[in-house]
Amino acid sequence: MNRILFLDFDGVLHPNHAADESYFVRLPVLERALSAEDCYIVISSSWRFHHALDALKNRFPPQLRKRILGCTGDAIIGRHSRYREIRAFLNLHTEMAWRTLDDSAFEFPEGCEELILCDGAVGIAERQAVAIERWLAR
């Protein structure tokens, strides 16, 4: 494994403003997209500030859970904050090829080729799954 997928939750694994019972309803789409190829997962979601890493990992099926390296670090305030949090993580670890699955384009520089953008009202869909599969197949 030499790639990292940085993963947001709200607007990605479930629609934004989902009720508790609808959390992680889009997880099977991500699971299918990652089934053929290996990559690490790093949680970049704000959920990392409110839940322990083990509790977050337990929301994933075993085959994905074992790939979760951890979470990005402290919050960075300001322009392109999610992108800067990811870069800070990569600076502390071995630089790897990476993509991020997120629904907030404003959190990234315009034209960020690593961003796989989701519709926050839906979450990960076929288009994003295909983008992940193509990236991993390279």
C-alpha atoms as a PDB file:
ATOM      1  CA  MET A   1       0.000   0.000   0.000  1.00  0.00           C
ATOM      2  CA  ASN A   2       1.481   3.292  -1.025  1.00  0.00           C
ATOM      3  CA  ARG A   3      -1.561   5.531  -1.297  1.00  0.00           C
ATOM      4  CA  ILE A   4      -3.776   7.394   1.144  1.00  0.00           C
ATOM      5  CA  LEU A   5      -7.428   8.327   0.856  1.00  0.00           C
ATOM      6  CA  PHE A   6      -8.325  11.183   3.212  1.00  0.00           C
ATOM      7  CA  LEU A   7     -11.937  10.760   4.182  1.00  0.00           C
ATOM      8  CA  ASP A   8     -14.611  13.215   5.238  1.00  0.00           C
ATOM      9  CA  PHE A   9     -17.861  11.811   6.688  1.00  0.00           C
ATOM     10  CA  ASP A  10     -20.675  14.387   6.496  1.00  0.00           C
ATOM     11  CA  GLY A  11     -21.722  14.829   2.875  1.00  0.00           C
ATOM     12  CA  VAL A  12     -19.584  11.823   1.881  1.00  0.00           C
ATOM     13  CA  LEU A  13     -20.530   8.712   3.866  1.00  0.00           C
ATOM     14  CA  HIS A  14     -24.021  10.096   4.411  1.00  0.00           C
ATOM     15  CA  PRO A  15     -25.862  13.219   3.231  1.00  0.00           C
ATOM     16  CA  ASN A  16     -25.264  16.414   5.158  1.00  0.00           C
ATOM     17  CA  HIS A  17     -27.779  16.872   7.970  1.00  0.00           C
ATOM     18  CA  ALA A  18     -28.580  13.150   8.029  1.00  0.00           C
ATOM     19  CA  ALA A  19     -30.465  11.745  10.991  1.00  0.00           C
ATOM     20  CA  ASP A  20     -28.519   9.389  13.255  1.00  0.00           C
ATOM     21  CA  GLU A  21     -30.105   6.307  11.705  1.00  0.00           C
ATOM     22  CA  SER A  22     -28.887   7.444   8.268  1.00  0.00           C
ATOM     23  CA  TYR A  23     -25.239   7.875   9.252  1.00  0.00           C
ATOM     24  CA  PHE A  24     -22.831   5.916   7.051  1.00  0.00           C
ATOM     25  CA  VAL A  25     -25.519   4.787   4.566  1.00  0.00           C
ATOM     26  CA  ARG A  26     -23.100   5.449   1.671  1.00  0.00           C
ATOM     27  CA  LEU A  27     -20.309   3.357   3.211  1.00  0.00           C
ATOM     28  CA  PRO A  28     -21.058   0.344   0.958  1.00  0.00           C
ATOM     29  CA  VAL A  29     -20.244   2.499  -2.097  1.00  0.00           C
ATOM     30  CA  LEU A  30     -16.830   3.348  -0.640  1.00  0.00           C
ATOM     31  CA  GLU A  31     -16.263  -0.262   0.330  1.00  0.00           C
ATOM     32  CA  ARG A  32     -16.901  -1.414  -3.250  1.00  0.00           C
ATOM     33  CA  ALA A  33     -14.625   1.306  -4.666  1.00  0.00           C
ATOM     34  CA  LEU A  34     -11.774   0.191  -2.420  1.00  0.00           C
ATOM     35  CA  SER A  35     -12.303  -3.555  -2.751  1.00  0.00           C
ATOM     36  CA  ALA A  36      -9.980  -4.249  -5.674  1.00  0.00           C
ATOM     37  CA  GLU A  37      -6.974  -2.226  -4.584  1.00  0.00           C
ATOM     38  CA  ASP A  38      -5.289  -1.448  -1.305  1.00  0.00           C
ATOM     39  CA  CYS A  39      -4.805   1.999   0.094  1.00  0.00           C
ATOM     40  CA  TYR A  40      -4.620   3.496   3.536  1.00  0.00           C
ATOM     41  CA  ILE A  41      -7.426   5.637   4.915  1.00  0.00           C
ATOM     42  CA  VAL A  42      -6.937   8.724   7.073  1.00  0.00           C
ATOM     43  CA  ILE A  43      -9.978  10.356   8.630  1.00  0.00           C
ATOM     44  CA  SER A  44     -10.079  14.067   7.856  1.00  0.00           C
ATOM     45  CA  SER A  45     -13.663  14.558   9.045  1.00  0.00           C
ATOM     46  CA  SER A  46     -14.500  16.927  11.885  1.00  0.00           C
ATOM     47  CA  TRP A  47     -15.891  13.832  13.628  1.00  0.00           C
ATOM     48  CA  ARG A  48     -12.303  13.314  14.775  1.00  0.00           C
ATOM     49  CA  PHE A  49     -12.772  16.154  17.271  1.00  0.00           C
ATOM     50  CA  HIS A  50     -15.794  14.538  18.944  1.00  0.00           C
ATOM     51  CA  HIS A  51     -15.138  10.784  18.797  1.00  0.00           C
ATOM     52  CA  ALA A  52     -12.234   8.549  19.761  1.00  0.00           C
ATOM     53  CA  LEU A  53     -10.369   6.910  16.897  1.00  0.00           C
ATOM     54  CA  ASP A  54     -11.450   3.418  17.995  1.00  0.00           C
ATOM     55  CA  ALA A  55     -15.103   4.494  17.995  1.00  0.00           C
ATOM     56  CA  LEU A  56     -14.699   5.888  14.472  1.00  0.00           C
ATOM     57  CA  LYS A  57     -12.949   2.741  13.248  1.00  0.00           C
ATOM     58  CA  ASN A  58     -15.740   0.579  14.631  1.00  0.00           C
ATOM     59  CA  ARG A  59     -18.187   2.190  12.212  1.00  0.00           C
ATOM     60  CA  PHE A  60     -16.297   0.565   9.322  1.00  0.00           C
ATOM     61  CA  PRO A  61     -16.365  -3.045   8.158  1.00  0.00           C
ATOM     62  CA  PRO A  62     -13.262  -5.064   9.173  1.00  0.00           C
ATOM     63  CA  GLN A  63     -11.634  -4.969   5.715  1.00  0.00           C
ATOM     64  CA  LEU A  64     -11.666  -1.143   5.753  1.00  0.00           C
ATOM     65  CA  ARG A  65     -11.061  -0.757   9.487  1.00  0.00           C
ATOM     66  CA  LYS A  66      -7.638  -2.394   9.208  1.00  0.00           C
ATOM     67  CA  ARG A  67      -6.588   0.195   6.605  1.00  0.00           C
ATOM     68  CA  ILE A  68      -7.329   3.242   8.787  1.00  0.00           C
ATOM     69  CA  LEU A  69      -4.021   4.803   9.813  1.00  0.00           C
ATOM     70  CA  GLY A  70      -5.530   7.495  11.999  1.00  0.00           C
ATOM     71  CA  CYS A  71      -6.816  11.026  11.698  1.00  0.00           C
ATOM     72  CA  THR A  72      -5.441  14.317  10.513  1.00  0.00           C
ATOM     73  CA  GLY A  73      -4.275  16.495  13.390  1.00  0.00           C
ATOM     74  CA  ASP A  74      -5.329  19.739  14.962  1.00  0.00           C
ATOM     75  CA  ALA A  75      -7.750  22.021  13.186  1.00  0.00           C
ATOM     76  CA  ILE A  76      -6.221  24.688  11.000  1.00  0.00           C
ATOM     77  CA  ILE A  77      -8.302  27.829  10.705  1.00  0.00           C
ATOM     78  CA  GLY A  78      -8.418  29.905   7.561  1.00  0.00           C
ATOM     79  CA  ARG A  79      -8.431  29.501   3.832  1.00  0.00           C
ATOM     80  CA  HIS A  80      -8.275  25.937   2.467  1.00  0.00           C
ATOM     81  CA  SER A  81      -8.125  24.547   5.980  1.00  0.00           C
ATOM     82  CA  ARG A  82      -8.871  20.893   5.139  1.00  0.00           C
ATOM     83  CA  TYR A  83      -6.177  20.911   2.454  1.00  0.00           C
ATOM     84  CA  ARG A  84      -3.681  22.419   4.891  1.00  0.00           C
ATOM     85  CA  GLU A  85      -4.588  19.821   7.549  1.00  0.00           C
ATOM     86  CA  ILE A  86      -3.915  17.052   5.017  1.00  0.00           C
ATOM     87  CA  ARG A  87      -0.600  18.603   3.985  1.00  0.00           C
ATOM     88  CA  ALA A  88       0.404  18.861   7.669  1.00  0.00           C
ATOM     89  CA  PHE A  89      -0.338  15.139   8.088  1.00  0.00           C
ATOM     90  CA  LEU A  90       1.699  14.270   5.000  1.00  0.00           C
ATOM     91  CA  ASN A  91       4.611  16.420   6.206  1.00  0.00           C
ATOM     92  CA  LEU A  92       4.772  14.330   9.403  1.00  0.00           C
ATOM     93  CA  HIS A  93       4.591  11.015   7.567  1.00  0.00           C
ATOM     94  CA  THR A  94       6.078   9.513   4.443  1.00  0.00           C
ATOM     95  CA  GLU A  95       4.843  11.400   1.410  1.00  0.00           C
ATOM     96  CA  MET A  96       2.488   9.184  -0.559  1.00  0.00           C
ATOM     97  CA  ALA A  97       0.153   9.583  -3.476  1.00  0.00           C
ATOM     98  CA  TRP A  98      -3.155  10.752  -2.079  1.00  0.00           C
ATOM     99  CA  ARG A  99      -6.719  11.695  -2.839  1.00  0.00           C
ATOM    100  CA  THR A 100      -9.368  13.173  -0.628  1.00  0.00           C
ATOM    101  CA  LEU A 101     -13.065  12.428  -0.673  1.00  0.00           C
ATOM    102  CA  ASP A 102     -14.896  15.544   0.500  1.00  0.00           C
ATOM    103  CA  ASP A 103     -17.995  17.626  -0.192  1.00  0.00           C
ATOM    104  CA  SER A 104     -16.498  21.057   0.607  1.00  0.00           C
ATOM    105  CA  ALA A 105     -14.692  22.468  -2.414  1.00  0.00           C
ATOM    106  CA  PHE A 106     -13.917  25.708  -0.549  1.00  0.00           C
ATOM    107  CA  GLU A 107     -11.680  23.727   1.823  1.00  0.00           C
ATOM    108  CA  PHE A 108      -9.243  23.112  -1.071  1.00  0.00           C
ATOM    109  CA  PRO A 109      -7.387  25.283  -3.574  1.00  0.00           C
ATOM    110  CA  GLU A 110      -9.168  25.740  -6.885  1.00  0.00           C
ATOM    111  CA  GLY A 111      -8.177  22.999  -9.305  1.00  0.00           C
ATOM    112  CA  CYS A 112      -6.900  20.663  -6.555  1.00  0.00           C
ATOM    113  CA  GLU A 113      -6.418  17.459  -8.550  1.00  0.00           C
ATOM    114  CA  GLU A 114      -6.404  15.340  -5.393  1.00  0.00           C
ATOM    115  CA  LEU A 115      -9.977  16.343  -4.492  1.00  0.00           C
ATOM    116  CA  ILE A 116     -12.740  13.912  -5.408  1.00  0.00           C
ATOM    117  CA  LEU A 117     -15.756  16.110  -4.777  1.00  0.00           C
ATOM    118  CA  CYS A 118     -19.057  14.679  -3.544  1.00  0.00           C
ATOM    119  CA  ASP A 119     -22.484  16.252  -3.639  1.00  0.00           C
ATOM    120  CA  GLY A 120     -23.144  16.866   0.048  1.00  0.00           C
ATOM    121  CA  ALA A 121     -26.860  16.235  -0.383  1.00  0.00           C
ATOM    122  CA  VAL A 122     -26.099  12.684  -1.576  1.00  0.00           C
ATOM    123  CA  GLY A 123     -22.625  11.612  -0.486  1.00  0.00           C
ATOM    124  CA  ILE A 124     -20.337   9.301  -2.419  1.00  0.00           C
ATOM    125  CA  ALA A 125     -22.004   8.075  -5.606  1.00  0.00           C
ATOM    126  CA  GLU A 126     -20.985   6.103  -8.674  1.00  0.00           C
ATOM    127  CA  ARG A 127     -19.018   8.991 -10.218  1.00  0.00           C
ATOM    128  CA  GLN A 128     -16.769   9.331  -7.164  1.00  0.00           C
ATOM    129  CA  ALA A 129     -16.420   5.563  -6.794  1.00  0.00           C
ATOM    130  CA  VAL A 130     -15.217   5.323 -10.388  1.00  0.00           C
ATOM    131  CA  ALA A 131     -12.735   8.167  -9.806  1.00  0.00           C
ATOM    132  CA  ILE A 132     -11.286   6.288  -6.816  1.00  0.00           C
ATOM    133  CA  GLU A 133     -11.103   3.022  -8.757  1.00  0.00           C
ATOM    134  CA  ARG A 134      -9.306   4.706 -11.681  1.00  0.00           C
ATOM    135  CA  TRP A 135      -6.814   6.385  -9.355  1.00  0.00           C
ATOM    136  CA  LEU A 136      -6.049   3.119  -7.593  1.00  0.00           C
ATOM    137  CA  ALA A 137      -5.734   1.182 -10.860  1.00  0.00           C
ATOM    138  CA  ARG A 138      -2.942   3.445 -12.102  1.00  0.00           C
END
